[in-house]
């Protein structure tokens, strides 16, 4: 093999290595930018949708100023703070009468509501109650739209 041919092959190998390195660098930049966008986008998406996240706390401080103090409403489980008591409190504060008794656990509200003739759907509206059929019986109240 001649010296010139080996030199040309070496140049070709170096050029390929540079292209691969450039591709790796570009891929890393794309991955990093994607990570940054995914981290920042949720806040931007909330702002763009016109929605406001009112409270980020995971404790009861989010309820300050609502008038709810952990009282049992409609004979809901209590005393003390829990999602069923809060949901019942918000419904009563909006003028709703007790639709069924006893209120039961959060994961029972959809069945109890249907049985009482209350519309149950997947279209949230101001004043509606969100409920999940989980072991945790999670519920929430839609206060703004």
C-alpha atoms as a PDB file:
ATOM      1  CA  UNK A   1       0.000   0.000   0.000  1.00  0.00           C
ATOM      2  CA  UNK A   2       1.418   3.333  -0.957  1.00  0.00           C
ATOM      3  CA  UNK A   3       2.013   6.165   1.450  1.00  0.00           C
ATOM      4  CA  UNK A   4      -0.357   8.442  -0.497  1.00  0.00           C
ATOM      5  CA  UNK A   5      -3.186   5.924  -0.383  1.00  0.00           C
ATOM      6  CA  UNK A   6      -2.746   5.428   3.395  1.00  0.00           C
ATOM      7  CA  UNK A   7      -2.744   9.182   3.902  1.00  0.00           C
ATOM      8  CA  UNK A   8      -5.948   9.569   1.850  1.00  0.00           C
ATOM      9  CA  UNK A   9      -7.637   6.766   3.822  1.00  0.00           C
ATOM     10  CA  UNK A  10      -6.543   8.443   7.040  1.00  0.00           C
ATOM     11  CA  UNK A  11      -8.073  11.750   5.876  1.00  0.00           C
ATOM     12  CA  UNK A  12     -11.321   9.941   5.006  1.00  0.00           C
ATOM     13  CA  UNK A  13     -11.396   8.273   8.451  1.00  0.00           C
ATOM     14  CA  UNK A  14     -10.715  11.590  10.191  1.00  0.00           C
ATOM     15  CA  UNK A  15     -13.461  13.287   8.162  1.00  0.00           C
ATOM     16  CA  UNK A  16     -15.931  10.506   9.078  1.00  0.00           C
ATOM     17  CA  UNK A  17     -14.961  10.773  12.746  1.00  0.00           C
ATOM     18  CA  UNK A  18     -15.523  14.534  12.665  1.00  0.00           C
ATOM     19  CA  UNK A  19     -18.950  14.073  11.055  1.00  0.00           C
ATOM     20  CA  UNK A  20     -19.894  11.493  13.690  1.00  0.00           C
ATOM     21  CA  UNK A  21     -18.655  13.758  16.469  1.00  0.00           C
ATOM     22  CA  UNK A  22     -20.594  16.644  14.961  1.00  0.00           C
ATOM     23  CA  UNK A  23     -23.709  14.451  14.801  1.00  0.00           C
ATOM     24  CA  UNK A  24     -23.218  13.408  18.439  1.00  0.00           C
ATOM     25  CA  UNK A  25     -22.788  17.046  19.477  1.00  0.00           C
ATOM     26  CA  UNK A  26     -25.915  18.091  17.584  1.00  0.00           C
ATOM     27  CA  UNK A  27     -27.859  15.206  19.097  1.00  0.00           C
ATOM     28  CA  UNK A  28     -26.742  16.201  22.586  1.00  0.00           C
ATOM     29  CA  UNK A  29     -27.764  19.798  21.953  1.00  0.00           C
ATOM     30  CA  UNK A  30     -31.205  18.648  20.758  1.00  0.00           C
ATOM     31  CA  UNK A  31     -31.630  16.427  23.826  1.00  0.00           C
ATOM     32  CA  UNK A  32     -30.581  19.226  26.176  1.00  0.00           C
ATOM     33  CA  UNK A  33     -32.882  21.749  24.493  1.00  0.00           C
ATOM     34  CA  UNK A  34     -35.756  19.278  24.658  1.00  0.00           C
ATOM     35  CA  UNK A  35     -35.136  18.800  28.376  1.00  0.00           C
ATOM     36  CA  UNK A  36     -35.130  22.560  28.942  1.00  0.00           C
ATOM     37  CA  UNK A  37     -38.329  23.046  26.934  1.00  0.00           C
ATOM     38  CA  UNK A  38     -40.081  20.209  28.780  1.00  0.00           C
ATOM     39  CA  UNK A  39     -39.087  21.751  32.101  1.00  0.00           C
ATOM     40  CA  UNK A  40     -40.251  25.252  31.194  1.00  0.00           C
ATOM     41  CA  UNK A  41     -43.216  24.410  28.937  1.00  0.00           C
ATOM     42  CA  UNK A  42     -45.773  23.489  31.602  1.00  0.00           C
ATOM     43  CA  UNK A  43     -45.596  26.970  33.125  1.00  0.00           C
ATOM     44  CA  UNK A  44     -45.816  28.499  29.675  1.00  0.00           C
ATOM     45  CA  UNK A  45     -48.719  26.230  28.741  1.00  0.00           C
ATOM     46  CA  UNK A  46     -50.663  27.321  31.828  1.00  0.00           C
ATOM     47  CA  UNK A  47     -50.037  30.971  30.965  1.00  0.00           C
ATOM     48  CA  UNK A  48     -50.966  30.490  27.306  1.00  0.00           C
ATOM     49  CA  UNK A  49     -54.227  28.742  28.201  1.00  0.00           C
ATOM     50  CA  UNK A  50     -55.335  31.638  30.384  1.00  0.00           C
ATOM     51  CA  UNK A  51     -55.492  29.353  33.412  1.00  0.00           C
ATOM     52  CA  UNK A  52     -53.995  30.250  36.754  1.00  0.00           C
ATOM     53  CA  UNK A  53     -52.587  27.737  39.179  1.00  0.00           C
ATOM     54  CA  UNK A  54     -53.831  29.131  42.469  1.00  0.00           C
ATOM     55  CA  UNK A  55     -51.789  27.089  44.921  1.00  0.00           C
ATOM     56  CA  UNK A  56     -48.839  24.747  44.633  1.00  0.00           C
ATOM     57  CA  UNK A  57     -48.793  23.638  48.268  1.00  0.00           C
ATOM     58  CA  UNK A  58     -49.502  20.039  49.193  1.00  0.00           C
ATOM     59  CA  UNK A  59     -50.784  20.968  52.655  1.00  0.00           C
ATOM     60  CA  UNK A  60     -54.058  22.618  53.688  1.00  0.00           C
ATOM     61  CA  UNK A  61     -52.761  26.181  53.271  1.00  0.00           C
ATOM     62  CA  UNK A  62     -54.391  26.295  49.819  1.00  0.00           C
ATOM     63  CA  UNK A  63     -57.783  26.476  51.542  1.00  0.00           C
ATOM     64  CA  UNK A  64     -57.015  29.654  53.479  1.00  0.00           C
ATOM     65  CA  UNK A  65     -59.641  32.274  52.735  1.00  0.00           C
ATOM     66  CA  UNK A  66     -62.304  29.814  51.514  1.00  0.00           C
ATOM     67  CA  UNK A  67     -64.183  29.672  54.810  1.00  0.00           C
ATOM     68  CA  UNK A  68     -63.567  25.949  55.108  1.00  0.00           C
ATOM     69  CA  UNK A  69     -62.144  25.010  58.507  1.00  0.00           C
ATOM     70  CA  UNK A  70     -62.306  21.228  58.356  1.00  0.00           C
ATOM     71  CA  UNK A  71     -65.909  20.995  59.517  1.00  0.00           C
ATOM     72  CA  UNK A  72     -68.018  17.951  58.738  1.00  0.00           C
ATOM     73  CA  UNK A  73     -70.645  18.819  56.122  1.00  0.00           C
ATOM     74  CA  UNK A  74     -73.739  16.666  55.441  1.00  0.00           C
ATOM     75  CA  UNK A  75     -72.443  14.096  57.919  1.00  0.00           C
ATOM     76  CA  UNK A  76     -69.309  13.498  55.888  1.00  0.00           C
ATOM     77  CA  UNK A  77     -66.420  11.705  57.470  1.00  0.00           C
ATOM     78  CA  UNK A  78     -64.761  13.841  60.052  1.00  0.00           C
ATOM     79  CA  UNK A  79     -64.212  15.970  61.923  1.00  0.00           C
ATOM     80  CA  UNK A  80     -61.032  17.146  60.335  1.00  0.00           C
ATOM     81  CA  UNK A  81     -59.962  18.044  56.876  1.00  0.00           C
ATOM     82  CA  UNK A  82     -60.641  15.621  54.040  1.00  0.00           C
ATOM     83  CA  UNK A  83     -61.630  15.910  50.398  1.00  0.00           C
ATOM     84  CA  UNK A  84     -65.225  14.694  50.874  1.00  0.00           C
ATOM     85  CA  UNK A  85     -65.912  17.309  53.566  1.00  0.00           C
ATOM     86  CA  UNK A  86     -64.363  20.015  51.395  1.00  0.00           C
ATOM     87  CA  UNK A  87     -66.332  18.971  48.291  1.00  0.00           C
ATOM     88  CA  UNK A  88     -69.571  18.947  50.310  1.00  0.00           C
ATOM     89  CA  UNK A  89     -68.665  22.330  51.820  1.00  0.00           C
ATOM     90  CA  UNK A  90     -68.127  23.863  48.357  1.00  0.00           C
ATOM     91  CA  UNK A  91     -71.386  22.433  47.012  1.00  0.00           C
ATOM     92  CA  UNK A  92     -73.303  23.740  50.036  1.00  0.00           C
ATOM     93  CA  UNK A  93     -71.565  27.139  49.723  1.00  0.00           C
ATOM     94  CA  UNK A  94     -72.814  27.248  46.102  1.00  0.00           C
ATOM     95  CA  UNK A  95     -76.387  26.633  47.267  1.00  0.00           C
ATOM     96  CA  UNK A  96     -76.677  22.887  46.666  1.00  0.00           C
ATOM     97  CA  UNK A  97     -78.721  20.763  49.023  1.00  0.00           C
ATOM     98  CA  UNK A  98     -77.541  17.362  50.160  1.00  0.00           C
ATOM     99  CA  UNK A  99     -78.290  15.094  47.184  1.00  0.00           C
ATOM    100  CA  UNK A 100     -77.865  11.777  49.053  1.00  0.00           C
ATOM    101  CA  UNK A 101     -77.074  10.538  52.526  1.00  0.00           C
ATOM    102  CA  UNK A 102     -74.636   9.625  53.819  1.00  0.00           C
ATOM    103  CA  UNK A 103     -72.045  11.298  51.566  1.00  0.00           C
ATOM    104  CA  UNK A 104     -69.814   8.198  51.555  1.00  0.00           C
ATOM    105  CA  UNK A 105     -66.244   7.969  50.342  1.00  0.00           C
ATOM    106  CA  UNK A 106     -64.934  10.044  47.462  1.00  0.00           C
ATOM    107  CA  UNK A 107     -64.667   7.023  45.165  1.00  0.00           C
ATOM    108  CA  UNK A 108     -68.443   6.432  45.578  1.00  0.00           C
ATOM    109  CA  UNK A 109     -69.681   9.876  44.565  1.00  0.00           C
ATOM    110  CA  UNK A 110     -70.154   9.145  40.867  1.00  0.00           C
ATOM    111  CA  UNK A 111     -72.416   6.129  41.552  1.00  0.00           C
ATOM    112  CA  UNK A 112     -74.314   7.965  44.317  1.00  0.00           C
ATOM    113  CA  UNK A 113     -74.756  11.025  42.081  1.00  0.00           C
ATOM    114  CA  UNK A 114     -76.118   8.958  39.173  1.00  0.00           C
ATOM    115  CA  UNK A 115     -78.525   7.159  41.527  1.00  0.00           C
ATOM    116  CA  UNK A 116     -79.733  10.560  42.809  1.00  0.00           C
ATOM    117  CA  UNK A 117     -80.310  11.828  39.259  1.00  0.00           C
ATOM    118  CA  UNK A 118     -77.280  14.117  39.194  1.00  0.00           C
ATOM    119  CA  UNK A 119     -75.531  14.400  35.826  1.00  0.00           C
ATOM    120  CA  UNK A 120     -72.112  12.735  35.832  1.00  0.00           C
ATOM    121  CA  UNK A 121     -69.794  13.374  32.885  1.00  0.00           C
ATOM    122  CA  UNK A 122     -66.229  14.253  31.959  1.00  0.00           C
ATOM    123  CA  UNK A 123     -66.863  17.939  31.206  1.00  0.00           C
ATOM    124  CA  UNK A 124     -65.650  20.032  34.160  1.00  0.00           C
ATOM    125  CA  UNK A 125     -67.442  23.292  34.839  1.00  0.00           C
ATOM    126  CA  UNK A 126     -67.215  25.896  37.579  1.00  0.00           C
ATOM    127  CA  UNK A 127     -68.799  24.425  40.690  1.00  0.00           C
ATOM    128  CA  UNK A 128     -68.405  20.812  39.614  1.00  0.00           C
ATOM    129  CA  UNK A 129     -66.699  18.091  41.616  1.00  0.00           C
ATOM    130  CA  UNK A 130     -63.892  15.994  40.154  1.00  0.00           C
ATOM    131  CA  UNK A 131     -63.681  12.458  41.503  1.00  0.00           C
ATOM    132  CA  UNK A 132     -61.394   9.498  40.829  1.00  0.00           C
ATOM    133  CA  UNK A 133     -62.126   5.824  41.505  1.00  0.00           C
ATOM    134  CA  UNK A 134     -58.885   5.140  43.327  1.00  0.00           C
ATOM    135  CA  UNK A 135     -58.058   3.622  46.680  1.00  0.00           C
ATOM    136  CA  UNK A 136     -57.192   7.147  47.829  1.00  0.00           C
ATOM    137  CA  UNK A 137     -60.741   8.382  46.963  1.00  0.00           C
ATOM    138  CA  UNK A 138     -59.432  11.660  45.590  1.00  0.00           C
ATOM    139  CA  UNK A 139     -61.853  14.531  44.979  1.00  0.00           C
ATOM    140  CA  UNK A 140     -61.529  18.194  44.092  1.00  0.00           C
ATOM    141  CA  UNK A 141     -63.712  21.213  43.370  1.00  0.00           C
ATOM    142  CA  UNK A 142     -63.564  23.312  40.186  1.00  0.00           C
ATOM    143  CA  UNK A 143     -63.588  26.908  41.378  1.00  0.00           C
ATOM    144  CA  UNK A 144     -62.480  28.821  38.257  1.00  0.00           C
ATOM    145  CA  UNK A 145     -62.650  28.186  34.550  1.00  0.00           C
END
